[in-house]
């Protein structure tokens, strides 16, 4: 169900992007994640999808999350109306540096933070939380409890699961990422057409984020056309 009609909405979609910066994410992986999102937003296909309906632009917000009290807003809500706006967001991401906080993984709190952001954009046709993570929640409320509440507000929660980087000896990454993907499907994602995208290591984050954004953005455009 869409939150508002085309006649009354200020935007076609409010999209909150949440990045995992918990203790399992090292300095190199942090950089790959932010630069990967920047690269995805800068790609020609994603820009085309973002700008596909000038009369009803996408609103975008970006934040980091880790422990229960560690959520940092990197980009407050901005209406993506043209290429210079996207360039501005990309530059902000590429020039953002890490601030250390609690190393825990408070996935439920991260979802709650994103849900509260999206409540500010209830006039949009659709509200989507796009949450990335490389591990299971180990602090704060259980993510299932928070996702269930989000779903009651017609918020869609999608997941981007980040698997381990390639090891020097052996490779159990497919097993590990399958387990974490199942966890996200069971306890994190919610809403009509919600889904889990996967990145086999942080090196693959940009490609996975690009696929995820295109799926989220193009589906709504096609449904309206």
Protein backbone atom coordinates (compact mmCIF):
# COMPACT_ATOMS: atom_id res chain seq x y z
CA UNK A 1 0.00 0.00 0.00
CA UNK A 2 1.38 3.42 -0.95
CA UNK A 3 1.49 6.01 1.82
CA UNK A 4 0.19 8.87 -0.31
CA UNK A 5 -1.38 9.41 -3.70
CA UNK A 6 0.46 10.92 -6.65
CA UNK A 7 -1.75 13.98 -6.36
CA UNK A 8 -0.68 14.80 -2.81
CA UNK A 9 2.87 13.46 -2.45
CA UNK A 10 5.95 15.68 -2.48
CA UNK A 11 8.12 12.76 -3.53
CA UNK A 12 7.67 9.33 -5.01
CA UNK A 13 9.95 7.59 -2.51
CA UNK A 14 11.72 8.34 0.75
CA UNK A 15 14.84 6.18 0.84
CA UNK A 16 16.94 5.94 4.02
CA UNK A 17 20.30 4.21 3.57
CA UNK A 18 21.91 2.73 6.71
CA UNK A 19 25.58 1.70 6.81
CA UNK A 20 27.05 -0.75 9.34
CA UNK A 21 30.13 0.71 11.11
CA UNK A 22 30.22 -1.73 14.05
CA UNK A 23 33.39 -3.23 15.47
CA UNK A 24 33.54 -5.97 12.82
CA UNK A 25 34.09 -3.29 10.16
CA UNK A 26 37.75 -2.25 9.96
CA UNK A 27 39.12 1.00 8.53
CA UNK A 28 39.56 -0.36 5.00
CA UNK A 29 36.07 -1.87 4.99
CA UNK A 30 34.61 1.39 6.26
CA UNK A 31 36.15 3.20 3.30
CA UNK A 32 34.97 0.54 0.84
CA UNK A 33 31.43 0.91 2.17
CA UNK A 34 31.20 4.70 1.93
CA UNK A 35 33.04 4.88 -1.38
CA UNK A 36 30.95 1.96 -2.63
CA UNK A 37 27.71 3.80 -1.90
CA UNK A 38 29.17 6.92 -3.53
CA UNK A 39 30.11 4.90 -6.60
CA UNK A 40 26.66 3.33 -6.79
CA UNK A 41 24.95 6.73 -6.62
CA UNK A 42 27.33 8.09 -9.26
CA UNK A 43 26.67 5.26 -11.72
CA UNK A 44 24.77 6.20 -14.86
CA UNK A 45 22.04 3.60 -14.33
CA UNK A 46 21.30 4.66 -10.75
CA UNK A 47 21.29 8.34 -11.68
CA UNK A 48 18.81 7.60 -14.47
CA UNK A 49 16.56 5.77 -12.01
CA UNK A 50 16.84 8.53 -9.40
CA UNK A 51 15.94 11.25 -11.89
CA UNK A 52 13.32 9.30 -13.84
CA UNK A 53 10.33 11.30 -12.54
CA UNK A 54 11.23 15.00 -12.14
CA UNK A 55 7.72 15.89 -11.02
CA UNK A 56 8.03 13.52 -8.04
CA UNK A 57 11.68 13.23 -6.99
CA UNK A 58 13.22 10.77 -4.55
CA UNK A 59 14.13 12.00 -1.05
CA UNK A 60 17.34 10.50 0.30
CA UNK A 61 18.92 10.25 3.75
CA UNK A 62 22.07 8.36 4.81
CA UNK A 63 23.27 7.33 8.28
CA UNK A 64 25.80 5.08 10.00
CA UNK A 65 25.00 2.71 12.85
CA UNK A 66 26.76 0.49 15.38
CA UNK A 67 25.95 0.38 19.14
CA UNK A 68 22.65 1.39 20.77
CA UNK A 69 23.65 5.05 21.08
CA UNK A 70 25.78 5.29 17.96
CA UNK A 71 23.85 6.42 14.91
CA UNK A 72 25.35 9.26 12.87
CA UNK A 73 23.40 11.09 10.19
CA UNK A 74 25.73 11.63 7.23
CA UNK A 75 23.13 13.14 4.88
CA UNK A 76 19.86 14.58 6.16
CA UNK A 77 16.82 14.38 3.90
CA UNK A 78 17.55 15.87 0.50
CA UNK A 79 15.35 15.94 -2.58
CA UNK A 80 17.27 14.43 -5.50
CA UNK A 81 16.18 16.76 -8.27
CA UNK A 82 19.23 16.88 -10.56
CA UNK A 83 22.76 15.62 -11.22
CA UNK A 84 24.46 18.37 -9.13
CA UNK A 85 22.46 17.19 -6.11
CA UNK A 86 23.76 13.65 -6.61
CA UNK A 87 27.30 14.99 -7.04
CA UNK A 88 26.91 16.84 -3.73
CA UNK A 89 25.91 13.64 -1.93
CA UNK A 90 28.74 11.66 -3.54
CA UNK A 91 31.31 14.27 -2.49
CA UNK A 92 29.98 14.23 1.07
CA UNK A 93 30.39 10.46 1.26
CA UNK A 94 33.88 10.46 -0.23
CA UNK A 95 35.06 13.12 2.25
CA UNK A 96 33.44 11.62 5.36
CA UNK A 97 35.77 10.07 7.94
CA UNK A 98 35.01 7.59 10.65
CA UNK A 99 34.13 8.57 14.18
CA UNK A 100 34.61 5.69 16.58
CA UNK A 101 31.80 4.65 18.86
CA UNK A 102 30.44 1.55 20.55
CA UNK A 103 31.66 -1.52 18.58
CA UNK A 104 28.43 -3.43 19.18
CA UNK A 105 25.86 -4.42 16.56
CA UNK A 106 22.54 -2.89 17.60
CA UNK A 107 20.55 -3.78 14.52
CA UNK A 108 17.17 -3.24 16.16
CA UNK A 109 18.12 0.27 17.24
CA UNK A 110 19.46 0.98 13.75
CA UNK A 111 16.10 0.01 12.26
CA UNK A 112 14.30 2.18 14.82
CA UNK A 113 16.48 5.17 13.91
CA UNK A 114 15.70 4.69 10.22
CA UNK A 115 12.01 4.25 10.92
CA UNK A 116 11.92 7.53 12.82
CA UNK A 117 13.64 9.24 9.89
CA UNK A 118 11.07 7.84 7.47
CA UNK A 119 8.17 9.06 9.63
CA UNK A 120 9.34 12.56 8.65
CA UNK A 121 8.51 11.66 5.05
CA UNK A 122 5.08 10.11 5.44
CA UNK A 123 3.76 12.16 2.51
CA UNK A 124 5.88 10.22 0.00
CA UNK A 125 4.32 7.45 -2.07
CA UNK A 126 6.63 4.91 -0.44
CA UNK A 127 9.05 4.79 2.50
CA UNK A 128 11.99 2.40 2.24
CA UNK A 129 14.75 1.60 4.72
CA UNK A 130 17.83 0.12 3.05
CA UNK A 131 19.97 -1.37 5.85
CA UNK A 132 23.42 -2.88 5.30
CA UNK A 133 25.07 -5.21 7.80
CA UNK A 134 27.83 -7.80 8.16
CA UNK A 135 26.64 -9.52 11.34
CA UNK A 136 23.80 -10.44 13.65
CA UNK A 137 22.47 -8.10 16.31
CA UNK A 138 24.14 -8.49 19.71
CA UNK A 139 22.90 -5.40 21.58
CA UNK A 140 19.64 -3.55 22.08
CA UNK A 141 16.13 -4.67 21.06
CA UNK A 142 15.69 -7.65 18.78
CA UNK A 143 15.45 -6.46 15.14
CA UNK A 144 12.32 -8.52 14.51
CA UNK A 145 10.38 -6.54 17.11
CA UNK A 146 11.35 -3.20 15.54
CA UNK A 147 10.81 -4.35 11.94
CA UNK A 148 7.33 -5.57 12.82
CA UNK A 149 6.41 -2.10 14.07
CA UNK A 150 7.91 -0.51 10.95
CA UNK A 151 5.82 -2.78 8.76
CA UNK A 152 2.66 -1.63 10.52
CA UNK A 153 3.45 1.87 9.22
CA UNK A 154 3.80 0.57 5.63
CA UNK A 155 7.58 1.05 5.77
CA UNK A 156 9.52 -1.43 3.64
CA UNK A 157 12.79 -2.66 5.15
CA UNK A 158 15.31 -4.21 2.75
CA UNK A 159 18.67 -5.71 3.66
CA UNK A 160 22.13 -5.74 2.12
CA UNK A 161 24.12 -8.55 3.72
CA UNK A 162 27.90 -8.18 3.54
CA UNK A 163 29.84 -11.43 3.70
CA UNK A 164 33.41 -12.00 4.82
CA UNK A 165 36.31 -10.98 2.60
CA UNK A 166 38.23 -13.71 0.77
CA UNK A 167 40.42 -15.72 3.20
CA UNK A 168 44.00 -16.74 2.50
CA UNK A 169 43.24 -20.41 3.16
CA UNK A 170 39.93 -22.17 2.45
CA UNK A 171 36.66 -20.41 1.72
CA UNK A 172 33.50 -20.81 3.81
CA UNK A 173 32.08 -17.49 2.67
CA UNK A 174 29.10 -18.96 0.83
CA UNK A 175 28.00 -20.83 3.95
CA UNK A 176 28.51 -17.76 6.15
CA UNK A 177 26.63 -15.38 3.88
CA UNK A 178 23.78 -17.86 3.44
CA UNK A 179 23.36 -18.02 7.22
CA UNK A 180 23.40 -14.25 7.63
CA UNK A 181 21.01 -13.80 4.69
CA UNK A 182 18.58 -16.21 6.35
CA UNK A 183 18.84 -14.18 9.56
CA UNK A 184 18.01 -10.95 7.71
CA UNK A 185 15.08 -12.61 5.93
CA UNK A 186 13.71 -13.93 9.21
CA UNK A 187 14.24 -10.92 11.46
CA UNK A 188 15.08 -7.75 9.49
CA UNK A 189 13.22 -7.30 6.22
CA UNK A 190 9.53 -6.49 6.19
CA UNK A 191 6.91 -5.12 3.81
CA UNK A 192 5.58 -5.81 0.33
CA UNK A 193 8.32 -6.90 -2.10
CA UNK A 194 11.04 -6.55 0.57
CA UNK A 195 14.24 -8.42 -0.25
CA UNK A 196 17.83 -9.20 0.75
CA UNK A 197 20.75 -8.36 -1.54
CA UNK A 198 24.20 -9.85 -0.87
CA UNK A 199 27.79 -8.69 -1.26
CA UNK A 200 30.48 -11.37 -1.02
CA UNK A 201 32.88 -9.17 0.94
CA UNK A 202 33.26 -5.39 1.14
CA UNK A 203 35.08 -5.41 -2.21
CA UNK A 204 31.74 -6.33 -3.77
CA UNK A 205 29.73 -3.73 -1.84
CA UNK A 206 29.47 -1.17 -4.67
CA UNK A 207 28.12 -3.71 -7.16
CA UNK A 208 25.63 -5.07 -4.64
CA UNK A 209 24.47 -1.58 -3.64
CA UNK A 210 24.01 -0.66 -7.30
CA UNK A 211 21.82 -3.71 -7.88
CA UNK A 212 19.85 -2.96 -4.73
CA UNK A 213 19.20 0.69 -5.56
CA UNK A 214 18.09 -0.15 -9.09
CA UNK A 215 15.66 -2.76 -7.80
CA UNK A 216 14.22 -0.34 -5.24
CA UNK A 217 13.98 2.64 -7.57
CA UNK A 218 12.99 1.16 -10.92
CA UNK A 219 10.18 -0.98 -9.56
CA UNK A 220 8.29 2.07 -8.30
CA UNK A 221 8.86 4.02 -11.53
CA UNK A 222 7.60 1.13 -13.66
CA UNK A 223 4.54 0.65 -11.48
CA UNK A 224 3.60 4.32 -11.91
CA UNK A 225 4.23 4.35 -15.65
